[in-house]
Amino acid sequence: MTSGTIIVGAGHAGVQAAASLREEGYDGPVVLIGEEQELPYHKPPLSKTFIKDAAAKPQPLRGESFYEGNSIDYRPGLHVERIDLAGRRLELAGGASLAFDRLILATGSRPRRLPVEGAGLAGVVSLREVADARLIRELSASCTDVVVLGGGFIGLEIAATLRAAGRNVTVVEAADRLLGRVVAAPIGKHVRQRLADLGVRILTGTTVSRLEGERGHVSAAVTAAGERLPAQLVIVGVGVVPNVELAEQAGIVISNGIRVDHQMRTSVPEVLSVGDVASYRHWFTGGDVRLESVQNATDQARLAARTITGGSDAYGAVPWFWSDIGDMKLQMVGLTAAADSHLTVGTPQDNRFSVYHFAGDRLVAVESVNRPADHMLGRKMLAAGFSPSREAVAEGADALKAALAAAG
């Protein structure tokens, strides 16, 4: 008898790993463990459509029949206490245990806590799972003023959604610009202007020193400069922390996440890790990264399944990301860290443009606002290792397609 493969974490990465094991012909037991009681669901809508529609329900990643039909033993509401590597067992809360031959850690990440007075007041919420989104939806329906702490994707998506619903929204960002970790300056500047035009107040280079409350519920955020911002709802979006504790306690190597090789193996070969929690040397940049995206999670999960079933290919997916902020569909492909120049095409004033990023003559990323065709073409070029001339970029999509075709 084989103990099979256990997957800890039932988000995008964990569900895809289970599905891909079956697609790759794996015939051993597959157990998928999730801490939530919900059927695994899509998370991107939580910060947008879900919180503005009182009737919206979580969108399942797979129907319940999928798990039954593929002999995937989905176990919701379980908490893993410890990994016993010597005995190849998981110890669960309550005293039960599960044996495994292979283990996939898809434990994801959690919101970073806000280290200020008043952070524990009612009405102070971080968004990570559907219960949080339900609370934001409920609270926002009866509030007037919202303060969003953090100018990243999640914070800005919520800010735009709640402002469109008529709330007074203030965004407080410690850095000197929005989206500083995830997009280049031209995109961040454009997003700021569009949100300001929508009526969102944006404070950059600003931090909050404390939160004030009345009868246990938040009533205001006070900035380090002493300004009091009224708030019946405070959204905390100041980053995430990878959930490495299980792996770390087991002695698995940690380096800004659970360290994995090019086949998603950890320092313990029978244990793999995928998704937001996995840290690796990226083939595209040569640097160490931990990417928080649905695309990265699902692509790594597919590769982990191939590794378990005997595959030898290395992770080589081109990273891409997206965000919907108000009337802006942001799509990014590649990584901009190495870029030393960029070229903008399209018209920012019309809310439709793309920024092509180069490191020397090498195309390393394309960031687009409401130009999905540019994004798709960028994915094709980067996947092919093709770097167009700046002249071809300036000429437009037809010239780029022709150049890519000519390059074979």
Protein backbone atom coordinates (compact mmCIF):
# COMPACT_ATOMS: atom_id res chain seq x y z
CA MET A 1 0.00 0.00 0.00
CA THR A 2 1.20 3.52 -0.78
CA SER A 3 0.52 6.50 1.47
CA GLY A 4 0.32 8.73 -1.58
CA THR A 5 0.69 12.50 -1.79
CA ILE A 6 -0.65 15.04 0.68
CA ILE A 7 -1.09 18.67 -0.35
CA VAL A 8 -1.25 21.20 2.48
CA GLY A 9 -3.12 24.29 1.32
CA ALA A 10 -6.28 24.41 -0.80
CA GLY A 11 -5.79 27.66 -2.69
CA HIS A 12 -5.00 28.02 -6.38
CA ALA A 13 -1.67 26.20 -6.05
CA GLY A 14 -2.93 23.29 -3.97
CA VAL A 15 -6.00 22.59 -6.07
CA GLN A 16 -3.97 22.77 -9.29
CA ALA A 17 -1.38 20.38 -7.85
CA ALA A 18 -4.11 17.85 -7.06
CA ALA A 19 -5.66 18.21 -10.50
CA SER A 20 -2.30 17.98 -12.28
CA LEU A 21 -1.28 14.83 -10.42
CA ARG A 22 -4.30 13.09 -11.89
CA GLU A 23 -3.71 14.64 -15.32
CA GLU A 24 -0.15 13.30 -15.23
CA GLY A 25 -1.39 9.79 -14.51
CA TYR A 26 -0.59 9.63 -10.80
CA ASP A 27 -2.69 6.77 -9.40
CA GLY A 28 -1.80 6.90 -5.71
CA PRO A 29 -3.93 8.49 -3.00
CA VAL A 30 -4.16 12.29 -3.15
CA VAL A 31 -5.23 14.17 -0.03
CA LEU A 32 -5.88 17.92 -0.21
CA ILE A 33 -5.97 19.70 3.17
CA GLY A 34 -7.55 23.13 3.62
CA GLU A 35 -8.03 25.19 6.78
CA GLU A 36 -11.20 26.89 5.56
CA GLN A 37 -14.55 25.11 5.50
CA GLU A 38 -15.38 26.47 2.04
CA LEU A 39 -14.96 24.57 -1.20
CA PRO A 40 -11.72 26.03 -2.69
CA TYR A 41 -12.52 29.25 -4.54
CA HIS A 42 -11.09 32.00 -6.76
CA LYS A 43 -9.51 34.76 -4.66
CA PRO A 44 -9.05 37.66 -7.15
CA PRO A 45 -12.79 38.59 -7.20
CA LEU A 46 -12.85 39.08 -3.43
CA SER A 47 -11.42 42.60 -3.63
CA LYS A 48 -13.70 43.66 -6.48
CA THR A 49 -17.06 42.17 -7.50
CA PHE A 50 -17.58 40.18 -4.30
CA ILE A 51 -17.45 43.11 -1.89
CA LYS A 52 -19.78 45.30 -3.95
CA ASP A 53 -22.48 42.70 -4.61
CA ALA A 54 -24.43 41.54 -1.58
CA ALA A 55 -25.63 38.48 -3.50
CA ALA A 56 -22.20 37.37 -4.73
CA LYS A 57 -20.93 33.98 -3.66
CA PRO A 58 -17.41 32.50 -3.82
CA GLN A 59 -16.56 31.14 -7.26
CA PRO A 60 -15.35 27.54 -6.83
CA LEU A 61 -12.05 26.64 -8.46
CA ARG A 62 -13.56 23.22 -9.21
CA GLY A 63 -16.99 21.81 -8.61
CA GLU A 64 -17.49 19.38 -5.75
CA SER A 65 -17.93 16.55 -8.25
CA PHE A 66 -14.41 17.16 -9.57
CA TYR A 67 -12.83 16.00 -6.32
CA GLU A 68 -15.06 12.96 -6.07
CA GLY A 69 -14.66 12.07 -9.74
CA ASN A 70 -10.87 12.23 -9.58
CA SER A 71 -10.49 10.45 -6.24
CA ILE A 72 -9.09 13.55 -4.58
CA ASP A 73 -9.71 13.37 -0.86
CA TYR A 74 -10.49 17.00 0.01
CA ARG A 75 -10.45 17.61 3.75
CA PRO A 76 -11.58 21.10 4.77
CA GLY A 77 -11.23 22.67 8.19
CA LEU A 78 -8.01 20.88 9.15
CA HIS A 79 -4.95 22.46 10.76
CA VAL A 80 -1.56 20.77 10.43
CA GLU A 81 0.47 21.10 13.63
CA ARG A 82 3.74 19.49 12.61
CA ILE A 83 5.58 17.61 9.88
CA ASP A 84 7.30 14.43 11.08
CA LEU A 85 9.87 13.95 8.34
CA ALA A 86 11.44 10.84 9.87
CA GLY A 87 8.09 9.10 10.07
CA ARG A 88 6.71 10.79 6.94
CA ARG A 89 3.60 11.84 8.79
CA LEU A 90 1.60 14.99 9.36
CA GLU A 91 0.40 15.61 12.90
CA LEU A 92 -2.99 17.35 12.90
CA ALA A 93 -4.68 19.51 15.50
CA GLY A 94 -6.69 17.22 17.75
CA GLY A 95 -4.12 14.42 17.72
CA ALA A 96 -4.78 12.64 14.42
CA SER A 97 -2.02 12.00 11.89
CA LEU A 98 -1.68 11.26 8.18
CA ALA A 99 1.09 9.34 6.45
CA PHE A 100 2.58 10.48 3.15
CA ASP A 101 5.07 9.37 0.53
CA ARG A 102 5.27 12.85 -1.01
CA LEU A 103 4.22 16.15 0.48
CA ILE A 104 3.42 19.41 -1.34
CA LEU A 105 3.41 22.55 0.78
CA ALA A 106 1.11 25.15 -0.76
CA THR A 107 0.64 27.06 2.47
CA GLY A 108 0.53 30.51 0.84
CA SER A 109 0.92 33.69 2.83
CA ARG A 110 -0.96 35.80 5.37
CA PRO A 111 -1.46 39.55 5.71
CA ARG A 112 1.24 41.39 7.58
CA ARG A 113 -0.05 42.73 10.89
CA LEU A 114 -0.29 46.43 11.51
CA PRO A 115 2.01 47.21 14.47
CA VAL A 116 0.15 50.22 15.88
CA GLU A 117 -2.15 50.99 18.78
CA GLY A 118 -5.75 50.19 17.93
CA ALA A 119 -5.02 47.53 15.32
CA GLY A 120 -7.26 45.11 17.19
CA LEU A 121 -10.38 47.29 17.05
CA ALA A 122 -13.49 46.01 15.30
CA GLY A 123 -13.70 47.35 11.76
CA VAL A 124 -9.96 46.89 11.11
CA VAL A 125 -9.76 44.20 8.43
CA SER A 126 -7.14 42.54 6.23
CA LEU A 127 -8.35 40.69 3.14
CA ARG A 128 -7.05 37.20 2.61
CA GLU A 129 -10.04 34.86 2.53
CA VAL A 130 -13.74 34.92 1.87
CA ALA A 131 -14.67 35.50 5.52
CA ASP A 132 -12.68 38.75 5.39
CA ALA A 133 -14.42 39.80 2.17
CA ARG A 134 -17.83 39.11 3.71
CA LEU A 135 -16.91 41.30 6.67
CA ILE A 136 -15.71 44.14 4.42
CA ARG A 137 -18.93 43.88 2.41
CA GLU A 138 -21.05 44.00 5.55
CA LEU A 139 -19.18 46.88 7.18
CA SER A 140 -18.85 48.98 4.04
CA ALA A 141 -22.61 48.87 3.46
CA SER A 142 -23.19 50.97 6.56
CA CYS A 143 -20.10 53.19 6.71
CA THR A 144 -19.27 56.60 5.27
CA ASP A 145 -15.50 56.83 5.59
CA VAL A 146 -12.90 54.19 4.69
CA VAL A 147 -9.13 54.36 5.19
CA VAL A 148 -6.98 51.95 3.19
CA LEU A 149 -3.49 51.37 4.58
CA GLY A 150 -1.16 50.33 1.77
CA GLY A 151 -0.99 51.28 -1.88
CA GLY A 152 -0.56 47.82 -3.40
CA PHE A 153 -2.89 45.90 -5.67
CA ILE A 154 -5.34 44.68 -3.01
CA GLY A 155 -5.62 48.03 -1.27
CA LEU A 156 -6.17 49.96 -4.48
CA GLU A 157 -8.66 47.46 -5.88
CA ILE A 158 -10.74 47.81 -2.72
CA ALA A 159 -10.31 51.59 -2.69
CA ALA A 160 -11.62 51.92 -6.24
CA THR A 161 -14.51 49.53 -5.58
CA LEU A 162 -15.67 51.28 -2.42
CA ARG A 163 -15.24 54.76 -3.87
CA ALA A 164 -17.40 53.75 -6.86
CA ALA A 165 -19.99 52.64 -4.30
CA GLY A 166 -20.06 56.15 -2.83
CA ARG A 167 -17.75 55.84 0.18
CA ASN A 168 -15.23 58.50 1.14
CA VAL A 169 -11.91 56.70 0.68
CA THR A 170 -8.40 57.71 1.75
CA VAL A 171 -5.34 55.64 0.83
CA VAL A 172 -2.28 55.94 3.08
CA GLU A 173 0.99 54.63 1.62
CA ALA A 174 4.34 54.76 3.42
CA ALA A 175 6.40 54.83 0.21
CA ASP A 176 6.63 57.87 -2.03
CA ARG A 177 4.43 56.33 -4.72
CA LEU A 178 1.72 53.74 -5.28
CA LEU A 179 2.43 50.18 -6.40
CA GLY A 180 6.14 50.69 -5.82
CA ARG A 181 6.92 46.98 -5.39
CA VAL A 182 5.00 45.74 -8.40
CA VAL A 183 4.99 48.21 -11.31
CA ALA A 184 7.26 50.86 -12.74
CA ALA A 185 6.83 54.55 -11.93
CA PRO A 186 4.84 55.54 -15.08
CA ILE A 187 2.13 52.99 -14.28
CA GLY A 188 2.01 53.95 -10.62
CA LYS A 189 1.70 57.64 -11.51
CA HIS A 190 -1.14 56.91 -13.93
CA VAL A 191 -3.04 54.82 -11.38
CA ARG A 192 -2.69 57.56 -8.80
CA GLN A 193 -4.11 60.17 -11.15
CA ARG A 194 -7.08 58.01 -12.19
CA LEU A 195 -7.94 57.23 -8.58
CA ALA A 196 -7.66 60.89 -7.64
CA ASP A 197 -10.00 61.76 -10.51
CA LEU A 198 -12.43 59.20 -9.09
CA GLY A 199 -12.35 61.03 -5.78
CA VAL A 200 -9.97 58.84 -3.79
CA ARG A 201 -7.71 60.86 -1.51
CA ILE A 202 -4.13 59.54 -1.65
CA LEU A 203 -1.43 60.24 0.91
CA THR A 204 2.03 58.92 0.00
CA GLY A 205 5.13 59.14 2.16
CA THR A 206 2.74 58.89 5.10
CA THR A 207 2.26 56.38 7.91
CA VAL A 208 -0.38 55.87 10.57
CA SER A 209 0.72 56.14 14.20
CA ARG A 210 -2.47 54.83 15.82
CA LEU A 211 -6.10 53.93 15.29
CA GLU A 212 -8.79 55.43 17.50
CA GLY A 213 -12.04 53.77 18.45
CA GLU A 214 -15.42 54.31 20.04
CA ARG A 215 -17.06 51.48 21.99
CA GLY A 216 -14.54 49.02 20.59
CA HIS A 217 -15.03 49.95 16.92
CA VAL A 218 -12.56 51.96 14.87
CA SER A 219 -13.47 55.60 14.38
CA ALA A 220 -10.33 57.19 12.94
CA ALA A 221 -6.77 56.68 11.75
CA VAL A 222 -4.21 59.19 12.98
CA THR A 223 -1.18 59.83 10.77
CA ALA A 224 2.36 60.29 12.06
CA ALA A 225 1.94 64.00 11.26
CA GLY A 226 -1.11 64.14 13.53
CA GLU A 227 -3.88 64.34 10.94
CA ARG A 228 -7.05 62.54 12.04
CA LEU A 229 -8.73 60.60 9.23
CA PRO A 230 -12.33 59.58 10.05
CA ALA A 231 -12.92 55.88 9.39
CA GLN A 232 -15.60 53.37 10.27
CA LEU A 233 -13.67 50.80 8.23
CA VAL A 234 -9.89 50.44 7.94
CA ILE A 235 -8.47 48.08 5.34
CA VAL A 236 -4.95 46.89 6.15
CA GLY A 237 -2.96 46.03 3.02
CA VAL A 238 0.65 46.47 4.09
CA GLY A 239 2.04 43.31 2.54
CA VAL A 240 2.07 39.60 3.32
CA VAL A 241 4.24 37.10 5.18
CA PRO A 242 4.89 33.63 3.72
CA ASN A 243 3.55 30.77 5.84
CA VAL A 244 6.83 28.94 6.38
CA GLU A 245 6.37 27.80 9.98
CA LEU A 246 5.55 24.15 9.24
CA ALA A 247 8.55 23.76 6.96
CA GLU A 248 10.87 25.69 9.27
CA GLN A 249 9.96 23.57 12.29
CA ALA A 250 10.73 20.46 10.24
CA GLY A 251 14.21 21.75 9.39
CA ILE A 252 13.47 22.51 5.73
CA VAL A 253 15.59 25.36 4.34
CA ILE A 254 13.90 28.78 4.46
CA SER A 255 15.01 31.84 2.50
CA ASN A 256 12.28 34.48 2.14
CA GLY A 257 9.91 31.58 1.80
CA ILE A 258 10.36 27.84 1.48
CA ARG A 259 13.43 27.42 -0.72
CA VAL A 260 12.86 25.19 -3.76
CA ASP A 261 14.97 24.09 -6.71
CA HIS A 262 14.12 24.27 -10.41
CA GLN A 263 11.73 21.30 -10.02
CA MET A 264 9.94 22.63 -6.92
CA ARG A 265 11.77 20.31 -4.51
CA THR A 266 12.67 21.64 -1.10
CA SER A 267 15.87 20.72 0.74
CA VAL A 268 14.04 17.47 1.60
CA PRO A 269 13.50 15.74 -1.78
CA GLU A 270 10.17 14.10 -0.94
CA VAL A 271 8.75 17.48 0.08
CA LEU A 272 7.88 20.04 -2.60
CA SER A 273 6.53 23.56 -2.31
CA VAL A 274 4.60 25.80 -4.71
CA GLY A 275 2.86 29.15 -4.90
CA ASP A 276 3.17 32.30 -2.80
CA VAL A 277 5.27 30.53 -0.16
CA ALA A 278 7.95 29.16 -2.52
CA SER A 279 11.25 31.00 -3.00
CA TYR A 280 13.52 30.14 -5.91
CA ARG A 281 16.25 31.30 -8.28
CA HIS A 282 14.38 32.70 -11.25
CA TRP A 283 15.54 31.54 -14.66
CA PHE A 284 14.62 34.85 -16.29
CA THR A 285 16.50 37.26 -14.03
CA GLY A 286 19.05 35.06 -12.28
CA GLY A 287 17.86 36.53 -8.97
CA ASP A 288 16.03 35.01 -6.03
CA VAL A 289 12.29 35.67 -6.02
CA ARG A 290 9.05 34.72 -4.31
CA LEU A 291 6.15 35.61 -6.60
CA GLU A 292 2.62 36.21 -5.38
CA SER A 293 0.39 35.52 -8.36
CA VAL A 294 -2.21 33.03 -9.51
CA GLN A 295 -0.22 32.29 -12.67
CA ASN A 296 2.94 31.46 -10.74
CA ALA A 297 0.98 29.29 -8.32
CA THR A 298 -0.72 27.22 -11.00
CA ASP A 299 2.37 26.85 -13.21
CA GLN A 300 4.50 25.72 -10.28
CA ALA A 301 1.79 23.28 -9.21
CA ARG A 302 1.72 21.71 -12.67
CA LEU A 303 5.50 21.31 -12.59
CA ALA A 304 5.45 19.79 -9.09
CA ALA A 305 3.00 17.16 -10.33
CA ARG A 306 5.31 16.36 -13.25
CA THR A 307 8.26 16.11 -10.88
CA ILE A 308 6.42 13.63 -8.67
CA THR A 309 5.42 11.52 -11.67
CA GLY A 310 8.99 11.31 -12.98
CA GLY A 311 9.39 14.45 -15.08
CA SER A 312 12.75 16.19 -15.31
CA ASP A 313 11.86 19.59 -16.81
CA ALA A 314 12.77 22.78 -15.00
CA TYR A 315 10.55 25.72 -14.14
CA GLY A 316 10.61 28.14 -17.05
CA ALA A 317 7.24 29.89 -17.05
CA VAL A 318 7.26 33.58 -17.96
CA PRO A 319 5.80 35.47 -14.98
CA TRP A 320 2.68 37.53 -15.57
CA PHE A 321 0.27 39.36 -13.33
CA TRP A 322 -2.92 41.40 -13.51
CA SER A 323 -5.07 43.74 -11.47
CA ASP A 324 -8.38 45.52 -12.07
CA ILE A 325 -8.39 48.92 -10.37
CA GLY A 326 -11.46 50.98 -11.23
CA ASP A 327 -11.54 51.44 -15.01
CA MET A 328 -7.95 50.23 -15.40
CA LYS A 329 -7.05 46.68 -16.36
CA LEU A 330 -3.37 46.37 -15.50
CA GLN A 331 -1.48 43.48 -17.08
CA MET A 332 2.20 42.85 -16.51
CA VAL A 333 4.52 40.26 -18.02
CA GLY A 334 8.17 39.76 -17.14
CA LEU A 335 10.09 41.35 -14.28
CA THR A 336 11.32 44.94 -14.30
CA ALA A 337 14.07 44.75 -11.67
CA ALA A 338 16.92 44.68 -14.20
CA ALA A 339 15.43 47.30 -16.54
CA ASP A 340 17.47 50.43 -17.26
CA SER A 341 15.21 52.08 -19.86
CA HIS A 342 11.61 52.02 -21.04
CA LEU A 343 9.49 53.05 -23.99
CA THR A 344 5.84 54.06 -23.74
CA VAL A 345 3.35 53.43 -26.56
CA GLY A 346 -0.30 54.42 -26.66
CA THR A 347 -2.00 57.31 -24.92
CA PRO A 348 -2.04 57.57 -21.12
CA GLN A 349 -4.59 60.39 -21.42
CA ASP A 350 -6.98 57.90 -23.04
CA ASN A 351 -6.26 55.33 -20.30
CA ARG A 352 -4.78 52.95 -22.89
CA PHE A 353 -1.01 52.52 -23.08
CA SER A 354 1.88 50.11 -22.54
CA VAL A 355 5.38 50.48 -21.17
CA TYR A 356 8.10 48.27 -22.68
CA HIS A 357 11.08 47.75 -20.35
CA PHE A 358 14.60 46.99 -21.56
CA ALA A 359 17.85 45.98 -19.89
CA GLY A 360 20.29 47.20 -22.51
CA ASP A 361 18.80 45.81 -25.73
CA ARG A 362 16.98 42.96 -23.99
CA LEU A 363 13.22 43.18 -23.47
CA VAL A 364 12.54 42.20 -19.85
CA ALA A 365 8.93 43.28 -19.23
CA VAL A 366 5.80 44.82 -20.70
CA GLU A 367 3.28 46.62 -18.51
CA SER A 368 -0.09 47.50 -20.04
CA VAL A 369 -3.15 49.51 -19.08
CA ASN A 370 -6.27 48.53 -21.05
CA ARG A 371 -4.20 47.13 -23.94
CA PRO A 372 -4.63 43.35 -23.63
CA ALA A 373 -3.26 42.68 -27.12
CA ASP A 374 0.06 44.24 -26.11
CA HIS A 375 0.13 42.02 -23.04
CA MET A 376 -0.47 38.84 -25.02
CA LEU A 377 2.17 39.79 -27.57
CA GLY A 378 4.58 40.55 -24.73
CA ARG A 379 4.02 37.08 -23.30
CA LYS A 380 4.79 35.53 -26.68
CA MET A 381 7.96 37.58 -27.15
CA LEU A 382 9.34 36.89 -23.69
CA ALA A 383 8.49 33.18 -23.89
CA ALA A 384 10.38 33.00 -27.20
CA GLY A 385 13.33 34.94 -25.79
CA PHE A 386 12.78 37.58 -28.46
CA SER A 387 13.77 41.21 -27.93
CA PRO A 388 12.39 43.63 -30.52
CA SER A 389 14.08 46.85 -31.52
CA ARG A 390 12.76 50.05 -30.03
CA GLU A 391 11.82 51.10 -33.55
CA ALA A 392 9.57 48.06 -33.94
CA VAL A 393 7.96 48.77 -30.56
CA ALA A 394 7.24 52.35 -31.62
CA GLU A 395 5.73 51.21 -34.93
CA GLY A 396 3.13 49.11 -33.16
CA ALA A 397 1.71 45.60 -32.91
CA ASP A 398 1.88 44.71 -36.61
CA ALA A 399 5.60 45.50 -36.73
CA LEU A 400 6.22 43.50 -33.58
CA LYS A 401 4.31 40.51 -34.88
CA ALA A 402 6.25 40.62 -38.13
CA ALA A 403 9.57 40.86 -36.30
CA LEU A 404 8.65 37.97 -34.02
CA ALA A 405 7.58 35.83 -36.98
CA ALA A 406 10.79 36.65 -38.85
CA ALA A 407 12.85 35.60 -35.82
CA GLY A 408 11.30 32.14 -36.09
